Protein backbone atom coordinates (compact mmCIF):
# COMPACT_ATOMS: atom_id res chain seq x y z
CA MET A 1 -38.35 -13.81 1.28
CA ALA A 2 -36.95 -16.54 2.15
CA LEU A 3 -33.08 -16.67 3.03
CA GLN A 4 -32.93 -20.00 1.66
CA GLU A 5 -34.09 -18.75 -1.56
CA LYS A 6 -30.87 -17.43 -4.13
CA ILE A 7 -31.28 -14.43 -5.72
CA ASP A 8 -29.15 -13.12 -9.58
CA VAL A 9 -27.43 -10.28 -8.54
CA LEU A 10 -26.37 -7.57 -10.88
CA ILE A 11 -23.44 -5.01 -10.16
CA LEU A 12 -22.99 -1.75 -11.78
CA GLY A 13 -19.55 -1.11 -12.22
CA SER A 14 -16.12 -2.17 -14.43
CA GLY A 15 -13.32 -1.24 -11.85
CA GLY A 16 -11.22 -3.19 -9.75
CA ARG A 17 -13.86 -2.42 -7.07
CA GLU A 18 -16.50 -4.15 -8.95
CA HIS A 19 -14.17 -6.97 -9.58
CA ALA A 20 -14.05 -7.14 -5.32
CA LEU A 21 -17.57 -7.41 -5.46
CA LEU A 22 -18.06 -10.06 -8.15
CA LYS A 23 -15.57 -12.40 -6.04
CA ALA A 24 -17.44 -11.91 -2.91
CA CYS A 25 -21.01 -12.71 -5.06
CA LEU A 26 -19.42 -15.85 -6.07
CA ARG A 27 -18.28 -17.06 -3.17
CA SER A 28 -22.11 -16.28 -1.53
CA PRO A 29 -24.02 -19.23 -0.89
CA ARG A 30 -27.08 -16.48 -0.88
CA VAL A 31 -26.39 -15.85 -5.42
CA GLY A 32 -27.65 -17.81 -7.82
CA LYS A 33 -26.14 -16.12 -10.72
CA VAL A 34 -24.32 -12.70 -10.66
CA ARG A 35 -24.23 -10.88 -13.55
CA VAL A 36 -21.89 -7.15 -13.81
CA ALA A 37 -22.64 -4.16 -16.18
CA PRO A 38 -20.21 -3.09 -18.65
CA GLY A 39 -17.56 -4.89 -16.26
CA ASN A 40 -13.97 -5.48 -17.56
CA GLY A 41 -11.79 -8.44 -19.44
CA GLY A 42 -11.19 -10.42 -16.39
CA MET A 43 -15.11 -10.05 -14.89
CA ALA A 44 -15.58 -11.53 -18.01
CA LEU A 45 -13.85 -14.49 -17.58
CA GLU A 46 -16.13 -15.27 -14.48
CA ALA A 47 -19.24 -13.89 -14.95
CA GLU A 48 -21.55 -12.78 -18.18
CA CYS A 49 -20.96 -9.43 -18.55
CA LEU A 50 -23.46 -6.89 -20.43
CA PRO A 51 -23.42 -3.20 -21.81
CA VAL A 52 -25.26 -0.82 -20.49
CA ASP A 53 -25.39 3.18 -19.76
CA VAL A 54 -25.00 2.57 -15.92
CA ALA A 55 -25.82 6.25 -15.60
CA ASP A 56 -28.96 5.79 -17.57
CA PRO A 57 -31.70 4.75 -14.45
CA ALA A 58 -34.61 3.78 -17.12
CA ALA A 59 -31.52 1.59 -19.15
CA VAL A 60 -30.58 -0.04 -16.11
CA LEU A 61 -34.11 -1.16 -15.12
CA ALA A 62 -34.73 -2.31 -18.25
CA LEU A 63 -31.33 -4.79 -17.71
CA VAL A 64 -32.52 -5.65 -14.19
CA ARG A 65 -36.27 -6.37 -15.41
CA ARG A 66 -34.44 -8.71 -18.64
CA THR A 67 -32.47 -10.22 -16.50
CA GLY A 68 -34.41 -10.93 -13.08
CA SER A 69 -31.99 -9.50 -11.07
CA GLY A 70 -33.05 -9.84 -7.08
CA LEU A 71 -30.49 -7.14 -5.83
CA VAL A 72 -28.72 -4.50 -7.82
CA ILE A 73 -25.22 -3.67 -5.90
CA VAL A 74 -23.68 -0.05 -7.26
CA GLY A 75 -20.26 0.06 -7.40
CA PRO A 76 -19.49 3.54 -9.16
CA GLU A 77 -21.28 7.66 -7.71
CA VAL A 78 -22.28 8.24 -10.98
CA PRO A 79 -24.97 6.14 -11.02
CA LEU A 80 -26.06 6.94 -7.76
CA ALA A 81 -25.52 10.84 -8.30
CA ALA A 82 -28.31 10.02 -11.26
CA GLY A 83 -30.87 8.60 -9.26
CA VAL A 84 -30.42 4.41 -10.64
CA VAL A 85 -31.65 3.33 -6.64
CA ASP A 86 -34.40 6.41 -6.51
CA VAL A 87 -36.02 3.75 -9.79
CA LEU A 88 -35.08 0.65 -9.41
CA GLU A 89 -36.49 0.98 -5.47
CA ASP A 90 -39.52 2.64 -6.69
CA ALA A 91 -39.77 -0.13 -9.32
CA GLY A 92 -39.46 -2.80 -6.51
CA VAL A 93 -36.11 -3.85 -6.99
CA PRO A 94 -34.02 -4.05 -3.76
CA ALA A 95 -30.39 -1.64 -4.35
CA TYR A 96 -27.62 -1.64 -2.65
CA GLY A 97 -26.58 2.53 -2.56
CA PRO A 98 -28.11 5.25 -1.21
CA ARG A 99 -30.77 7.19 -3.65
CA ALA A 100 -29.77 10.48 -5.32
CA ALA A 101 -30.63 12.91 -1.66
CA GLY A 102 -27.89 11.41 0.30
CA ALA A 103 -25.34 10.82 -3.29
CA ARG A 104 -25.12 14.17 -2.91
CA LEU A 105 -22.91 14.44 -0.39
CA GLU A 106 -20.21 12.77 -2.93
CA ALA A 107 -21.94 14.98 -6.09
CA SER A 108 -21.50 18.16 -4.31
CA LYS A 109 -18.89 19.25 -1.57
CA ALA A 110 -20.08 22.04 -1.44
CA PHE A 111 -23.18 20.89 -0.19
CA THR A 112 -21.34 18.36 1.92
CA LYS A 113 -19.59 21.45 3.82
CA ASP A 114 -22.62 23.06 4.24
CA PHE A 115 -23.86 20.04 6.32
CA LEU A 116 -20.93 19.05 8.26
CA PHE A 117 -21.01 22.86 9.60
CA ARG A 118 -24.84 22.61 9.69
CA HIS A 119 -24.84 19.37 11.71
CA GLY A 120 -21.39 20.07 14.11
CA VAL A 121 -19.23 17.61 12.66
CA PRO A 122 -15.59 18.66 12.83
CA THR A 123 -13.60 19.77 9.19
CA ALA A 124 -11.32 21.99 7.91
CA ALA A 125 -12.86 26.22 7.36
CA SER A 126 -13.72 26.84 3.86
CA ALA A 127 -15.76 29.09 1.55
CA THR A 128 -17.52 28.55 -1.71
CA PHE A 129 -17.54 30.39 -4.68
CA THR A 130 -19.84 30.06 -8.27
CA ALA A 131 -16.99 32.66 -9.89
CA LEU A 132 -13.65 33.27 -10.71
CA GLU A 133 -12.27 36.78 -9.65
CA PRO A 134 -13.79 36.63 -5.56
CA ALA A 135 -12.32 32.72 -5.76
CA LEU A 136 -8.78 34.48 -6.83
CA ALA A 137 -9.34 37.28 -4.49
CA HIS A 138 -9.74 35.12 -1.56
CA VAL A 139 -6.81 32.93 -1.98
CA ARG A 140 -4.45 35.94 -2.64
CA GLY A 141 -5.21 37.24 0.37
CA GLY A 142 -5.66 33.45 2.75
CA PRO A 143 -2.56 31.75 4.17
CA VAL A 144 -0.61 28.28 1.24
CA PRO A 145 -0.91 25.95 1.43
CA VAL A 146 -4.04 25.54 0.49
CA VAL A 147 -7.00 22.87 -1.16
CA ILE A 148 -9.10 23.90 -4.02
CA LYS A 149 -11.63 21.52 -4.83
CA ALA A 150 -13.96 21.01 -7.38
CA SER A 151 -17.98 21.07 -5.84
CA GLY A 152 -18.63 18.42 -8.67
CA LEU A 153 -17.98 14.43 -9.46
CA ALA A 154 -14.66 14.65 -11.18
CA ALA A 155 -13.54 11.20 -11.00
CA GLY A 156 -11.49 11.86 -7.69
CA LYS A 157 -9.12 13.85 -10.07
CA GLY A 158 -10.50 17.82 -8.95
CA VAL A 159 -8.63 18.19 -5.80
CA VAL A 160 -5.45 20.29 -6.01
CA ILE A 161 -3.16 20.94 -2.96
CA ALA A 162 -1.94 24.45 -2.87
CA THR A 163 1.70 25.44 -1.87
CA THR A 164 2.49 28.93 -3.25
CA HIS A 165 -0.43 31.09 -3.92
CA ALA A 166 0.00 30.85 -7.81
CA GLU A 167 -0.26 27.35 -7.41
CA ALA A 168 -3.84 28.48 -6.05
CA GLU A 169 -4.63 30.42 -8.86
CA ALA A 170 -3.68 28.33 -11.05
CA ALA A 171 -5.98 25.97 -9.91
CA LEU A 172 -9.05 28.00 -9.96
CA ARG A 173 -8.31 28.61 -13.73
CA ASP A 174 -7.89 25.90 -14.63
CA MET A 175 -11.62 24.28 -12.68
CA MET A 176 -13.56 27.87 -13.50
CA GLY A 177 -12.34 29.28 -16.79
CA ALA A 178 -10.80 26.61 -18.45
CA LYS A 179 -13.10 23.83 -17.05
CA VAL A 180 -10.53 21.04 -16.86
CA PHE A 181 -12.85 19.13 -14.46
CA GLY A 182 -16.37 20.14 -16.96
CA ALA A 183 -19.15 21.19 -15.34
CA ALA A 184 -17.36 19.49 -11.71
CA GLY A 185 -15.47 22.80 -11.58
CA ASP A 186 -18.57 25.53 -11.85
CA GLU A 187 -18.51 25.98 -8.26
CA VAL A 188 -15.27 24.84 -6.49
CA VAL A 189 -14.49 24.86 -2.43
CA VAL A 190 -11.55 27.00 -1.11
CA GLU A 191 -9.77 24.56 2.28
CA GLU A 192 -8.06 25.39 4.94
CA PHE A 193 -4.69 22.89 4.52
CA MET A 194 -4.82 20.27 7.40
CA GLN A 195 -2.33 18.22 8.95
CA GLY A 196 -1.88 14.84 9.76
CA GLU A 197 -2.19 12.02 8.48
CA GLU A 198 -5.26 10.53 5.97
CA ALA A 199 -7.40 6.97 6.69
CA SER A 200 -10.68 5.82 5.68
CA ILE A 201 -13.55 4.40 7.60
CA MET A 202 -16.04 2.70 5.64
CA LEU A 203 -19.28 2.08 6.78
CA MET A 204 -22.12 0.01 6.18
CA VAL A 205 -25.70 2.15 6.75
CA CYS A 206 -29.27 1.46 7.18
CA GLY A 207 -30.71 4.25 8.56
CA GLU A 208 -28.74 4.87 11.82
CA GLU A 209 -27.47 1.16 12.36
CA TYR A 210 -24.44 0.87 11.00
CA LEU A 211 -21.25 -1.55 10.50
CA MET A 212 -17.82 -0.27 11.12
CA LEU A 213 -15.12 -1.26 8.79
CA PRO A 214 -11.81 -2.09 9.28
CA PRO A 215 -10.05 1.58 8.93
CA SER A 216 -7.79 1.31 5.60
CA GLN A 217 -5.50 3.90 4.17
CA ASP A 218 -4.58 4.46 0.77
CA HIS A 219 -1.84 5.75 -0.99
CA LYS A 220 -2.37 8.43 -3.37
CA ARG A 221 0.97 9.43 -4.93
CA VAL A 222 2.25 7.44 -8.05
CA GLY A 223 5.65 6.40 -6.28
CA GLU A 224 7.63 4.94 -3.61
CA GLY A 225 7.67 7.62 -0.36
CA ASP A 226 4.59 9.57 -1.12
CA THR A 227 6.14 10.99 -4.04
CA GLY A 228 4.94 12.11 -7.82
CA PRO A 229 1.86 13.29 -8.74
CA ASN A 230 -1.86 11.71 -7.10
CA THR A 231 -3.84 8.78 -8.89
CA GLY A 232 -6.52 6.97 -7.75
CA GLY A 233 -5.18 5.14 -5.48
CA MET A 234 -1.92 2.46 -6.00
CA GLY A 235 -2.22 0.51 -2.87
CA ALA A 236 -4.12 0.56 0.48
CA TYR A 237 -3.90 -1.53 3.34
CA ALA A 238 -6.34 -2.86 6.27
CA PRO A 239 -6.61 -2.32 9.19
CA ALA A 240 -4.72 0.92 9.81
CA ASP A 241 -3.16 1.76 13.09
CA VAL A 242 -3.48 5.22 12.49
CA VAL A 243 -6.87 4.98 13.43
CA THR A 244 -5.91 3.76 17.27
CA PRO A 245 -8.98 2.84 19.95
CA GLU A 246 -8.77 6.98 21.40
CA VAL A 247 -9.36 7.75 16.93
CA GLU A 248 -12.08 5.57 16.60
CA ARG A 249 -14.46 6.70 19.70
CA ARG A 250 -13.71 10.01 18.49
CA VAL A 251 -14.81 9.28 15.02
CA ARG A 252 -18.05 7.40 15.86
CA GLN A 253 -19.00 10.48 18.68
CA GLU A 254 -17.86 12.89 16.93
CA ILE A 255 -18.45 12.25 13.09
CA ILE A 256 -20.59 8.96 12.47
CA GLU A 257 -23.23 9.63 14.87
CA PRO A 258 -23.79 13.02 14.36
CA THR A 259 -24.00 12.58 10.27
CA LEU A 260 -26.13 9.60 10.35
CA ARG A 261 -28.50 11.54 13.56
CA GLY A 262 -28.08 14.92 10.17
CA LEU A 263 -29.40 12.89 7.69
CA ARG A 264 -32.31 11.49 9.19
CA GLN A 265 -33.20 15.06 10.28
CA ASP A 266 -33.22 16.33 7.32
CA GLY A 267 -35.02 13.71 5.95
CA VAL A 268 -32.82 11.15 4.01
CA ASP A 269 -33.19 7.73 4.32
CA TYR A 270 -29.53 6.54 3.69
CA ARG A 271 -28.88 3.11 3.00
CA GLY A 272 -25.19 1.76 1.42
CA THR A 273 -21.68 2.61 1.87
CA LEU A 274 -20.67 6.01 3.27
CA TYR A 275 -16.63 6.33 3.05
CA VAL A 276 -15.64 8.92 5.57
CA GLY A 277 -12.15 10.36 4.50
CA ILE A 278 -10.75 11.43 7.77
CA MET A 279 -7.86 13.16 8.61
CA VAL A 280 -6.20 12.70 12.17
CA THR A 281 -4.68 16.18 12.95
CA ALA A 282 -3.48 17.27 16.80
CA GLN A 283 -6.99 18.43 17.24
CA GLY A 284 -8.50 15.05 16.98
CA PRO A 285 -9.88 13.65 13.42
CA LYS A 286 -11.55 15.63 11.01
CA VAL A 287 -13.74 15.24 8.13
CA VAL A 288 -11.89 15.65 4.30
CA GLU A 289 -14.48 14.26 2.47
CA PHE A 290 -17.59 12.11 2.37
CA ASN A 291 -18.41 9.01 -1.05
CA VAL A 292 -21.35 7.32 -1.65
CA ARG A 293 -20.06 3.98 -2.41
CA PHE A 294 -16.59 1.92 -1.54
CA GLY A 295 -13.40 3.85 -2.58
CA ASP A 296 -11.04 1.89 -4.76
CA PRO A 297 -8.71 0.30 -3.74
CA GLU A 298 -10.33 0.38 -0.07
CA CYS A 299 -12.96 -2.02 -1.45
CA GLN A 300 -10.56 -4.63 -2.15
CA VAL A 301 -8.76 -5.25 1.03
CA LEU A 302 -12.50 -5.05 2.71
CA MET A 303 -14.44 -7.48 1.26
CA PRO A 304 -11.31 -10.27 2.79
CA SER A 305 -11.88 -8.46 5.94
CA LEU A 306 -15.39 -9.73 6.10
CA GLU A 307 -16.02 -13.26 8.00
CA THR A 308 -19.92 -12.92 7.36
CA ASP A 309 -21.44 -12.74 3.91
CA PRO A 310 -21.26 -9.17 2.31
CA VAL A 311 -23.66 -10.48 0.25
CA ALA A 312 -26.09 -10.96 3.01
CA ILE A 313 -25.05 -7.72 4.88
CA MET A 314 -25.82 -5.48 0.98
CA GLU A 315 -29.04 -7.26 0.80
CA SER A 316 -30.55 -6.89 4.51
CA ILE A 317 -29.42 -2.89 4.21
CA ALA A 318 -31.35 -2.04 0.62
CA ARG A 319 -34.41 -4.04 2.23
CA GLY A 320 -33.84 -2.24 5.86
CA THR A 321 -33.76 -4.85 8.13
CA PHE A 322 -29.94 -4.72 8.95
CA LYS A 323 -28.09 -5.39 12.20
CA ALA A 324 -24.53 -4.68 12.59
CA SER A 325 -24.45 -6.80 15.84
CA SER A 326 -25.25 -9.76 13.34
CA VAL A 327 -21.40 -9.09 11.72
CA ARG A 328 -18.44 -11.17 12.12
CA LEU A 329 -15.34 -9.82 11.21
CA ARG A 330 -12.01 -11.48 10.31
CA PRO A 331 -8.88 -11.62 12.15
CA GLY A 332 -5.59 -10.55 10.14
CA SER A 333 -4.70 -7.96 7.58
CA THR A 334 -5.38 -7.62 4.09
CA VAL A 335 -3.74 -5.26 1.66
CA ILE A 336 -3.77 -4.89 -2.13
CA VAL A 337 -0.47 -3.89 -4.55
CA VAL A 338 -1.91 -2.10 -7.88
CA LEU A 339 0.00 -2.57 -11.43
CA ALA A 340 -0.20 0.43 -13.37
CA ALA A 341 -0.02 1.23 -17.33
CA GLY A 342 3.20 2.96 -18.84
CA GLY A 343 2.53 6.49 -18.16
CA TYR A 344 -0.13 6.10 -15.40
CA PRO A 345 -1.17 9.09 -14.35
CA GLY A 346 -0.68 10.79 -16.99
CA GLU A 347 -0.64 9.39 -21.20
CA ILE A 348 -0.93 5.71 -21.01
CA ARG A 349 -0.37 3.20 -22.89
CA LYS A 350 -3.53 0.44 -23.83
CA GLY A 351 -3.48 -2.97 -25.45
CA ASP A 352 -0.63 -4.34 -24.06
CA VAL A 353 -1.44 -8.27 -23.73
CA ILE A 354 -0.91 -9.80 -19.98
CA SER A 355 0.57 -12.70 -18.84
CA LEU A 356 -0.72 -13.88 -15.17
CA PRO A 357 0.47 -16.52 -13.56
CA GLY A 358 -1.43 -20.05 -13.97
CA ARG A 359 -2.38 -21.10 -10.00
CA LEU A 360 -2.21 -18.22 -7.03
CA PRO A 361 -1.34 -18.60 -3.13
CA ALA A 362 -3.94 -19.38 -1.06
CA ASP A 363 -5.37 -15.89 0.69
CA VAL A 364 -4.36 -14.05 -2.79
CA ASP A 365 -6.50 -12.79 -5.70
CA ILE A 366 -5.90 -10.67 -9.47
CA LEU A 367 -8.31 -8.16 -9.69
CA HIS A 368 -9.18 -7.11 -12.50
CA ALA A 369 -9.53 -2.55 -13.41
CA GLY A 370 -8.29 -1.54 -16.28
CA THR A 371 -8.59 -4.25 -18.70
CA VAL A 372 -9.99 -5.71 -21.82
CA ARG A 373 -11.23 -9.09 -23.06
CA LEU A 374 -9.13 -10.00 -26.77
CA ALA A 375 -10.82 -12.28 -29.44
CA ASP A 376 -8.75 -15.22 -29.03
CA GLY A 377 -9.41 -14.97 -25.28
CA SER A 378 -6.72 -13.28 -23.52
CA VAL A 379 -6.91 -10.07 -21.61
CA ALA A 380 -5.31 -7.01 -22.37
CA THR A 381 -4.39 -3.85 -20.68
CA SER A 382 -7.00 -0.58 -21.40
CA GLY A 383 -6.85 1.62 -18.29
CA GLY A 384 -4.30 3.41 -16.09
CA ARG A 385 -5.00 0.90 -13.40
CA VAL A 386 -4.87 -2.37 -14.88
CA LEU A 387 -4.78 -5.23 -12.08
CA GLY A 388 -4.36 -5.14 -8.15
CA VAL A 389 -2.91 -8.18 -6.55
CA VAL A 390 -5.20 -8.40 -2.80
CA ALA A 391 -3.39 -10.68 -0.15
CA HIS A 392 -4.19 -11.65 3.30
CA GLY A 393 -2.59 -12.55 6.13
CA PRO A 394 -2.61 -12.79 9.94
CA ASP A 395 -1.11 -9.38 10.26
CA LEU A 396 0.52 -6.27 7.92
CA ARG A 397 3.82 -7.67 7.47
CA SER A 398 2.79 -11.04 6.44
CA ALA A 399 -0.11 -9.65 3.68
CA VAL A 400 2.33 -7.37 1.83
CA ARG A 401 4.99 -10.03 1.80
CA LEU A 402 2.68 -12.46 0.16
CA ALA A 403 1.79 -10.23 -2.23
CA TYR A 404 4.88 -8.71 -3.07
CA GLU A 405 5.74 -12.56 -4.50
CA VAL A 406 2.85 -12.70 -6.29
CA VAL A 407 3.32 -9.23 -8.43
CA PRO A 408 6.65 -10.10 -10.27
CA LEU A 409 4.81 -13.30 -11.88
CA ILE A 410 2.35 -10.86 -13.49
CA LYS A 411 3.67 -9.68 -16.85
CA PHE A 412 2.62 -6.58 -19.67
CA GLU A 413 4.73 -4.15 -20.89
CA GLY A 414 5.04 -0.44 -18.82
CA CYS A 415 4.08 -2.14 -15.56
CA HIS A 416 4.99 0.01 -12.10
CA TYR A 417 3.77 -0.34 -8.95
CA ARG A 418 5.22 1.12 -5.60
CA ARG A 419 7.45 -1.30 -3.41
CA ASP A 420 5.89 0.61 -0.14
CA ILE A 421 2.51 -0.04 -0.03
CA GLY A 422 1.90 0.17 3.95
CA HIS A 423 5.21 1.41 4.91
CA ARG A 424 3.68 3.72 7.23
CA GLN A 425 2.32 1.54 9.24
CA LEU A 426 5.20 -0.85 8.93
CA ARG A 427 8.10 1.87 9.78
CA ARG A 428 5.69 2.41 12.89
CA GLU A 429 5.77 -1.24 14.14
CA SER A 430 9.47 -1.56 13.56
CA ALA A 431 9.83 1.09 15.56
CA ARG A 432 7.86 -0.73 18.66
């Protein structure tokens, strides 16, 4: 296919990550028409949004055939684990994302721990359980803090850091007894607690060829100073200087290369995003988790970090022709500040009409996540993380300043956000 021929693109998903991917498609000279399934209220202002069960491979294939889409970009993990890419590729449709065999790296934490141990990739010591009583006995006799993880997909919420034995036992009873995460808690991984600072390493992978995007750092806690309950992510920035050149060298040599080599040895042709969550410990970087798609909100700060067209990269990976040497990164820093609904991450408000600024400064975007378009054309809240303000600048301090100039211009009842995104790096910079 000649690169000059434009292609129609279908994006699967409905969150802020998918809105960032939509923005990339709208800016791409490679793309003709872009559609989103199912999308959200903000995306509906920019592209055709179509209803579909993204976890139903047959329904997705039928939609692709009806729309004539030449490339499918899969945003969330559920359709990947369900084998959507397998069905599309078997039907001759290029799709960005791993097949189900590769998606097991996120779909089963127990599978991933076994993979890491077999291939000598540094990670926390752990034990896996499928019955409650042995798991309870294990934590009673072990140290705290300890990390309790539901093995299956739990929408990013199946992890508890227990600081006491009582908390560890309660987490196990919730997951394995009360099934608060459903079938995801049928199998549980109990891990040692790793001391250090976390970072997100996002790779765009085509077999053993890969592009490492700028390292990023998410802010999981709802409150300033990393206080309060965990969330899906209240903000992020890239690049994150906790990943020093020496840490990056070790990540490549000790984590990425053995992981991609191990996938090939296990017969997995991995093509798509591989998200490596790492802990930078005193002993060096160790794997916290793998995800098989772009992080949310990390994707929102990484798309603006690419000078090379992201869609062209994703298409070449889907077709198996990608060469990392052809990619150029954009200098500077990017930040996202997430605006959440009242009550988030607990019981949230919905249906509040959103007031948005009419014009935005250059290098600022507002990305929609939990929004719905009303009959009168206005947009209202429909989820916990409602919007994200993304800003790019020559350095982190400039990007943060620009984002926080725009955030107060957005109004909806119950809106709350963190005012300290990037605080760790900014504090380090101030101390130099």
